[in-house]
Amino acid sequence: MENKVLIKKTFTPPTTKGVHYRILCMTGKYKGTSYYLRTGRIVMGRSEDADIQVMDSQSSREHAEIIKTGDRYIITDLASHNGIVVNDLKITQHALNDGDKIIIGHTVFKYNIITIATTFEEKQNAIVAATNDENDNLPSSELKNEIQDQSSNQMPMKRKIILAVGVVGVVVLFMAEPEKSNRPTTTPTKANRYAGATSGNDQFGQNAKNELSEADKETNERIAVIMARGQRELREGNYFRAISEFELAQALDNNNRDASAYITTAKNDLKTMLAKESETGQKNIDAIRYKQAIVNFCFIIRTLERYPDMEEYKNAIAKLNHIEQKMGLEKDEIKCFSW
């Protein structure tokens, strides 16, 4: 596992130059964890042995694999039960691009390609070297004269400073408010000049946090688009498509109450439609209108052909078998062709 993926729980940038391929967990238990891809076959899944563990109830033990081909990584669904979504599309295999969103269940990952041209140490050394060059460029005679001038003026300057400090001290005693405290001062040194350089990692961390914030904004915008699609499908009576859209929105945001409510509405509307169709079919059977009844129950079967375990599907099959007996047909002779 260590040879395939480098796991970091901070936003510290890679220390080596080159191109780095990162998968950032954006939701769930491991939110903010970075996985830097290396070599070999990388497995994503719920198993403890997975290279990238996905702590999600809808994740399979070995849900997907990532393999590098040339200079690109290819993600492949390992016949998982719930599948993989990349950028709102359910895929079986996909060549990852910078910025792609990978969704497994309710867990969202983001794939990034990070190029490090110069390491932090090299940047700091360059700053120090540039400062040293300022003194190196001075002629030796000028540098010597400058040192001598500073030495000769050192005592008068000290007297001036002492006198100035005394005057300022008297003024401060009369003007300062009692509740105000003296503020500590620091003497600028060469170390202070480069203090900002040590904040490189903090800046990278802040950038990564900003990236997460920006990604959340993009996710919210994407959810709005998905919800609009789902509402359109619901209005048109395409209940399974609507449910699929709302479930995708819910996967991006577990706390999206609108998505949950629309899923419930779509399922209830679907059941109402199927119940009405089944009731009409039964009336046609009672009236010995078998051909019309076949149309009713075949409609239910075609609608639920991907969900054969639903009671409505099983009931429609039983009704068709009953019609076959009434019409003197062989069992399963009536065929309901798929749409």
Protein backbone atom coordinates (compact mmCIF):
# COMPACT_ATOMS: atom_id res chain seq x y z
CA MET A 1 0.00 0.00 0.00
CA GLU A 2 2.80 2.39 0.89
CA ASN A 3 4.47 1.78 -2.45
CA LYS A 4 1.32 2.61 -4.40
CA VAL A 5 -0.16 5.61 -2.57
CA LEU A 6 1.36 8.32 -0.38
CA ILE A 7 -1.25 9.42 2.16
CA LYS A 8 -1.10 12.89 3.72
CA LYS A 9 -3.62 14.28 6.19
CA THR A 10 -2.33 17.83 5.72
CA PHE A 11 -2.12 20.20 2.76
CA THR A 12 1.69 20.27 2.78
CA PRO A 13 2.94 20.29 -0.82
CA PRO A 14 5.18 17.52 -2.18
CA THR A 15 8.86 18.10 -1.41
CA THR A 16 10.22 16.76 -4.68
CA LYS A 17 10.14 18.41 -8.07
CA GLY A 18 8.05 16.90 -10.82
CA VAL A 19 4.44 16.07 -11.62
CA HIS A 20 2.31 14.69 -8.79
CA TYR A 21 -1.11 13.05 -9.18
CA ARG A 22 -3.40 13.64 -6.21
CA ILE A 23 -6.83 12.38 -5.21
CA LEU A 24 -8.34 14.63 -2.53
CA CYS A 25 -11.19 13.35 -0.36
CA MET A 26 -13.76 16.16 -0.15
CA THR A 27 -16.54 14.57 1.92
CA GLY A 28 -16.99 11.85 4.48
CA LYS A 29 -14.79 10.51 7.27
CA TYR A 30 -11.50 11.22 5.50
CA LYS A 31 -12.39 14.71 4.24
CA GLY A 32 -9.21 16.70 3.55
CA THR A 33 -6.98 13.63 3.16
CA SER A 34 -4.68 13.65 0.12
CA TYR A 35 -3.70 10.49 -1.73
CA TYR A 36 -0.68 10.87 -4.03
CA LEU A 37 -0.71 8.15 -6.67
CA ARG A 38 2.51 6.31 -7.41
CA THR A 39 2.77 3.02 -9.29
CA GLY A 40 0.95 -0.25 -9.79
CA ARG A 41 -2.72 -1.12 -9.53
CA ILE A 42 -4.45 1.16 -7.04
CA VAL A 43 -7.70 -0.13 -5.54
CA MET A 44 -10.47 2.07 -4.12
CA GLY A 45 -13.02 0.43 -1.86
CA ARG A 46 -14.37 -0.28 1.60
CA SER A 47 -11.86 -3.03 2.37
CA GLU A 48 -9.12 -2.31 4.91
CA ASP A 49 -6.65 -3.61 2.33
CA ALA A 50 -7.73 -1.04 -0.28
CA ASP A 51 -5.07 1.48 -1.27
CA ILE A 52 -7.65 4.28 -1.00
CA GLN A 53 -10.23 3.31 1.59
CA VAL A 54 -13.76 4.57 0.90
CA MET A 55 -15.74 4.62 4.14
CA ASP A 56 -19.17 4.63 2.54
CA SER A 57 -22.10 2.26 2.96
CA GLN A 58 -22.60 2.19 -0.82
CA SER A 59 -18.99 1.28 -1.55
CA SER A 60 -17.99 -2.28 -2.43
CA ARG A 61 -14.96 -3.90 -0.83
CA GLU A 62 -13.10 -3.46 -4.11
CA HIS A 63 -15.11 -0.78 -5.85
CA ALA A 64 -12.73 0.59 -8.49
CA GLU A 65 -9.15 0.39 -9.70
CA ILE A 66 -6.82 3.11 -10.97
CA ILE A 67 -3.98 2.21 -13.34
CA LYS A 68 -1.50 4.53 -15.02
CA THR A 69 -1.34 4.21 -18.79
CA GLY A 70 1.29 6.41 -20.36
CA ASP A 71 1.03 9.77 -18.61
CA ARG A 72 -2.64 9.37 -17.63
CA TYR A 73 -4.52 7.47 -14.95
CA ILE A 74 -7.50 5.31 -15.93
CA ILE A 75 -10.25 4.57 -13.39
CA THR A 76 -12.34 1.42 -13.93
CA ASP A 77 -15.46 0.20 -12.14
CA LEU A 78 -14.87 -3.30 -10.75
CA ALA A 79 -18.46 -4.45 -11.34
CA SER A 80 -19.53 -2.67 -8.16
CA HIS A 81 -23.16 -2.74 -7.07
CA ASN A 82 -23.70 1.04 -7.07
CA GLY A 83 -21.18 2.08 -9.74
CA ILE A 84 -19.02 5.20 -10.10
CA VAL A 85 -19.98 8.72 -11.14
CA VAL A 86 -17.41 11.06 -12.70
CA ASN A 87 -18.56 14.63 -13.30
CA ASP A 88 -22.29 13.73 -13.12
CA LEU A 89 -21.95 10.76 -15.50
CA LYS A 90 -22.01 7.12 -14.48
CA ILE A 91 -19.00 5.39 -16.03
CA THR A 92 -17.45 1.96 -16.34
CA GLN A 93 -14.03 3.32 -17.39
CA HIS A 94 -12.69 6.85 -17.64
CA ALA A 95 -9.37 8.60 -18.34
CA LEU A 96 -8.97 11.06 -15.47
CA ASN A 97 -8.40 14.74 -16.21
CA ASP A 98 -7.29 17.50 -13.86
CA GLY A 99 -10.24 18.64 -11.75
CA ASP A 100 -12.42 15.55 -12.28
CA LYS A 101 -14.88 14.70 -9.49
CA ILE A 102 -15.12 11.02 -8.55
CA ILE A 103 -18.28 10.02 -6.65
CA ILE A 104 -18.68 6.68 -4.88
CA GLY A 105 -21.93 6.49 -2.94
CA HIS A 106 -22.03 9.68 -0.87
CA THR A 107 -18.25 10.23 -0.91
CA VAL A 108 -16.72 12.74 -3.32
CA PHE A 109 -13.07 12.82 -4.42
CA LYS A 110 -11.27 15.34 -6.62
CA TYR A 111 -8.42 14.42 -8.96
CA ASN A 112 -5.63 16.96 -9.46
CA ILE A 113 -2.36 17.11 -11.37
CA ILE A 114 0.18 19.18 -9.39
CA THR A 115 3.44 20.33 -10.96
CA ILE A 116 6.29 21.32 -8.62
CA ALA A 117 8.94 23.23 -10.59
CA THR A 118 11.01 24.47 -7.62
CA THR A 119 11.22 23.11 -4.08
CA PHE A 120 10.72 25.31 -1.02
CA GLU A 121 14.39 24.94 0.00
CA GLU A 122 15.55 26.12 -3.40
CA LYS A 123 13.32 29.19 -3.18
CA GLN A 124 14.67 30.08 0.28
CA ASN A 125 18.29 29.56 -0.80
CA ALA A 126 17.70 31.78 -3.82
CA ILE A 127 16.47 34.61 -1.57
CA VAL A 128 19.53 34.33 0.71
CA ALA A 129 21.90 34.15 -2.26
CA ALA A 130 20.34 37.26 -3.81
CA THR A 131 20.85 39.18 -0.56
CA ASN A 132 24.48 38.10 -0.29
CA ASP A 133 25.06 39.24 -3.85
CA GLU A 134 24.17 42.81 -2.84
CA ASN A 135 27.23 42.98 -0.57
CA ASP A 136 29.40 40.96 -2.96
CA ASN A 137 28.78 43.48 -5.74
CA LEU A 138 30.27 46.36 -3.68
CA PRO A 139 33.99 47.08 -4.38
CA SER A 140 36.20 46.10 -1.46
CA SER A 141 37.40 49.70 -0.97
CA GLU A 142 33.83 51.02 -0.79
CA LEU A 143 32.86 48.27 1.62
CA LYS A 144 35.87 49.08 3.83
CA ASN A 145 35.10 52.82 3.80
CA GLU A 146 31.49 52.11 4.65
CA ILE A 147 32.53 50.05 7.67
CA GLN A 148 34.96 52.75 8.80
CA ASP A 149 32.31 55.46 8.45
CA GLN A 150 29.92 53.43 10.52
CA SER A 151 32.57 52.95 13.24
CA SER A 152 33.51 56.65 13.34
CA ASN A 153 29.90 57.76 13.57
CA GLN A 154 28.91 55.13 16.07
CA MET A 155 29.53 57.16 19.27
CA PRO A 156 27.84 60.41 18.12
CA MET A 157 24.92 58.42 16.88
CA LYS A 158 24.55 56.70 20.24
CA ARG A 159 24.49 60.08 22.03
CA LYS A 160 21.82 61.35 19.65
CA ILE A 161 19.75 58.22 20.18
CA ILE A 162 20.01 58.49 23.99
CA LEU A 163 18.96 62.17 23.91
CA ALA A 164 16.06 61.44 21.57
CA VAL A 165 14.89 58.54 23.73
CA GLY A 166 14.95 60.75 26.82
CA VAL A 167 12.82 63.45 25.21
CA VAL A 168 10.35 60.92 23.85
CA GLY A 169 10.13 59.25 27.26
CA VAL A 170 9.13 62.51 28.97
CA VAL A 171 6.48 63.23 26.34
CA VAL A 172 5.07 59.72 26.63
CA LEU A 173 4.75 59.99 30.43
CA PHE A 174 2.48 63.03 30.08
CA MET A 175 0.49 61.94 27.03
CA ALA A 176 0.04 58.21 27.49
CA GLU A 177 -3.34 57.05 28.81
CA PRO A 178 -3.20 54.88 31.94
CA GLU A 179 -5.10 51.98 30.45
CA LYS A 180 -2.79 51.62 27.46
CA SER A 181 0.13 49.22 27.86
CA ASN A 182 3.49 49.43 26.14
CA ARG A 183 3.60 47.39 22.98
CA PRO A 184 6.62 45.13 22.53
CA THR A 185 8.89 46.06 19.68
CA THR A 186 11.20 43.89 17.67
CA THR A 187 14.47 44.82 16.13
CA PRO A 188 14.57 44.03 12.40
CA THR A 189 17.21 41.44 11.75
CA LYS A 190 18.29 39.44 8.75
CA ALA A 191 16.25 36.52 10.11
CA ASN A 192 13.12 38.72 10.18
CA ARG A 193 13.65 39.60 6.53
CA TYR A 194 13.13 35.98 5.58
CA ALA A 195 10.45 35.11 8.14
CA GLY A 196 7.82 35.29 5.43
CA ALA A 197 9.61 32.64 3.45
CA THR A 198 8.90 30.02 6.12
CA SER A 199 5.16 30.44 5.63
CA GLY A 200 5.25 28.71 2.25
CA ASN A 201 3.66 25.52 3.56
CA ASP A 202 1.01 27.51 5.46
CA GLN A 203 0.19 29.40 2.27
CA PHE A 204 -0.14 26.12 0.38
CA GLY A 205 -2.41 24.83 3.12
CA GLN A 206 -4.53 27.98 2.88
CA ASN A 207 -4.68 27.58 -0.89
CA ALA A 208 -5.82 23.99 -0.45
CA LYS A 209 -8.51 25.10 2.01
CA ASN A 210 -9.60 27.78 -0.43
CA GLU A 211 -9.70 25.08 -3.10
CA LEU A 212 -12.02 23.04 -0.90
CA SER A 213 -14.21 26.11 -0.37
CA GLU A 214 -14.26 26.82 -4.10
CA ALA A 215 -15.00 23.15 -4.75
CA ASP A 216 -17.95 23.34 -2.34
CA LYS A 217 -19.25 26.33 -4.31
CA GLU A 218 -18.89 24.40 -7.57
CA THR A 219 -20.64 21.43 -5.97
CA ASN A 220 -23.60 23.58 -4.89
CA GLU A 221 -23.91 25.00 -8.40
CA ARG A 222 -23.79 21.49 -9.84
CA ILE A 223 -26.43 20.30 -7.38
CA ALA A 224 -28.74 23.11 -8.53
CA VAL A 225 -28.37 21.98 -12.16
CA ILE A 226 -29.00 18.33 -11.24
CA MET A 227 -32.07 19.23 -9.20
CA ALA A 228 -33.49 21.21 -12.13
CA ARG A 229 -33.00 18.19 -14.42
CA GLY A 230 -34.69 15.92 -11.88
CA GLN A 231 -37.67 18.24 -11.54
CA ARG A 232 -38.09 18.32 -15.33
CA GLU A 233 -38.02 14.51 -15.52
CA LEU A 234 -40.53 14.32 -12.68
CA ARG A 235 -42.93 16.69 -14.48
CA GLU A 236 -42.66 14.58 -17.63
CA GLY A 237 -43.43 11.38 -15.73
CA ASN A 238 -39.96 9.87 -16.17
CA TYR A 239 -39.84 8.73 -12.57
CA PHE A 240 -36.75 6.54 -12.66
CA ARG A 241 -34.73 9.23 -14.40
CA ALA A 242 -35.96 11.75 -11.85
CA ILE A 243 -35.03 9.47 -8.95
CA SER A 244 -31.58 8.94 -10.47
CA GLU A 245 -31.00 12.71 -10.69
CA PHE A 246 -32.19 13.36 -7.15
CA GLU A 247 -30.06 10.51 -5.78
CA LEU A 248 -27.04 12.02 -7.51
CA ALA A 249 -27.77 15.38 -5.88
CA GLN A 250 -28.12 13.61 -2.54
CA ALA A 251 -24.78 11.87 -3.09
CA LEU A 252 -23.13 15.25 -3.50
CA ASP A 253 -24.81 16.61 -0.37
CA ASN A 254 -26.08 14.20 2.27
CA ASN A 255 -27.99 16.99 4.01
CA ASN A 256 -29.95 18.06 0.93
CA ARG A 257 -33.52 17.82 2.21
CA ASP A 258 -35.02 18.88 -1.12
CA ALA A 259 -33.39 15.94 -2.89
CA SER A 260 -34.68 13.53 -0.24
CA ALA A 261 -38.18 14.97 -0.47
CA TYR A 262 -38.23 14.76 -4.27
CA ILE A 263 -37.04 11.13 -4.16
CA THR A 264 -39.98 10.28 -1.90
CA THR A 265 -42.37 12.19 -4.18
CA ALA A 266 -41.08 10.46 -7.32
CA LYS A 267 -41.38 7.00 -5.74
CA ASN A 268 -44.91 7.71 -4.53
CA ASP A 269 -45.96 9.03 -7.94
CA LEU A 270 -44.45 5.95 -9.59
CA LYS A 271 -46.35 3.59 -7.31
CA THR A 272 -49.58 5.54 -7.90
CA MET A 273 -49.14 5.26 -11.67
CA LEU A 274 -48.39 1.51 -11.50
CA ALA A 275 -51.36 0.88 -9.20
CA LYS A 276 -53.68 2.74 -11.57
CA GLU A 277 -52.37 0.76 -14.57
CA SER A 278 -52.78 -2.53 -12.70
CA GLU A 279 -56.33 -1.61 -11.67
CA THR A 280 -57.24 -0.81 -15.28
CA GLY A 281 -55.72 -4.11 -16.41
CA GLN A 282 -57.78 -6.04 -13.86
CA LYS A 283 -60.96 -4.32 -15.04
CA ASN A 284 -60.15 -5.36 -18.62
CA ILE A 285 -59.65 -8.97 -17.47
CA ASP A 286 -63.01 -8.94 -15.68
CA ALA A 287 -64.63 -7.57 -18.85
CA ILE A 288 -62.88 -10.28 -20.93
CA ARG A 289 -60.92 -7.61 -22.80
CA TYR A 290 -57.71 -9.63 -22.67
CA LYS A 291 -55.83 -7.77 -25.38
CA GLN A 292 -56.32 -4.46 -23.61
CA ALA A 293 -55.27 -6.10 -20.32
CA ILE A 294 -52.08 -7.37 -21.99
CA VAL A 295 -51.25 -3.79 -22.96
CA ASN A 296 -51.73 -2.64 -19.36
CA PHE A 297 -49.57 -5.31 -17.74
CA CYS A 298 -46.89 -5.21 -20.44
CA PHE A 299 -46.59 -1.48 -19.75
CA ILE A 300 -45.83 -2.29 -16.10
CA ILE A 301 -43.32 -4.98 -17.06
CA ARG A 302 -41.48 -2.73 -19.49
CA THR A 303 -41.39 0.08 -16.93
CA LEU A 304 -39.91 -2.20 -14.26
CA GLU A 305 -37.79 -4.45 -16.47
CA ARG A 306 -34.64 -3.41 -14.55
CA TYR A 307 -36.36 -4.00 -11.21
CA PRO A 308 -37.78 -7.55 -11.40
CA ASP A 309 -37.87 -7.89 -7.61
CA MET A 310 -40.59 -5.26 -7.21
CA GLU A 311 -44.02 -6.59 -6.24
CA GLU A 312 -45.69 -4.68 -9.09
CA TYR A 313 -43.46 -6.50 -11.61
CA LYS A 314 -44.19 -9.93 -10.14
CA ASN A 315 -47.92 -9.20 -10.04
CA ALA A 316 -47.91 -8.16 -13.72
CA ILE A 317 -46.17 -11.43 -14.69
CA ALA A 318 -48.78 -13.40 -12.74
CA LYS A 319 -51.60 -11.53 -14.48
CA LEU A 320 -50.15 -12.29 -17.93
CA ASN A 321 -49.89 -15.98 -17.03
CA HIS A 322 -53.55 -15.90 -16.01
CA ILE A 323 -54.49 -14.27 -19.34
CA GLU A 324 -52.53 -16.96 -21.22
CA GLN A 325 -54.60 -19.66 -19.49
CA LYS A 326 -57.85 -17.87 -20.29
CA MET A 327 -56.86 -17.48 -23.94
CA GLY A 328 -55.58 -21.05 -24.25
CA LEU A 329 -51.97 -19.96 -24.90
CA GLU A 330 -48.73 -21.59 -23.86
CA LYS A 331 -47.00 -20.27 -20.78
CA ASP A 332 -44.75 -17.28 -21.53
CA GLU A 333 -46.17 -17.08 -25.04
CA ILE A 334 -47.12 -13.45 -24.50
CA LYS A 335 -44.02 -11.31 -25.09
CA CYS A 336 -43.63 -7.80 -23.76
CA PHE A 337 -40.92 -6.24 -25.90
CA SER A 338 -38.52 -3.78 -24.29
CA TRP A 339 -38.70 -0.11 -25.15
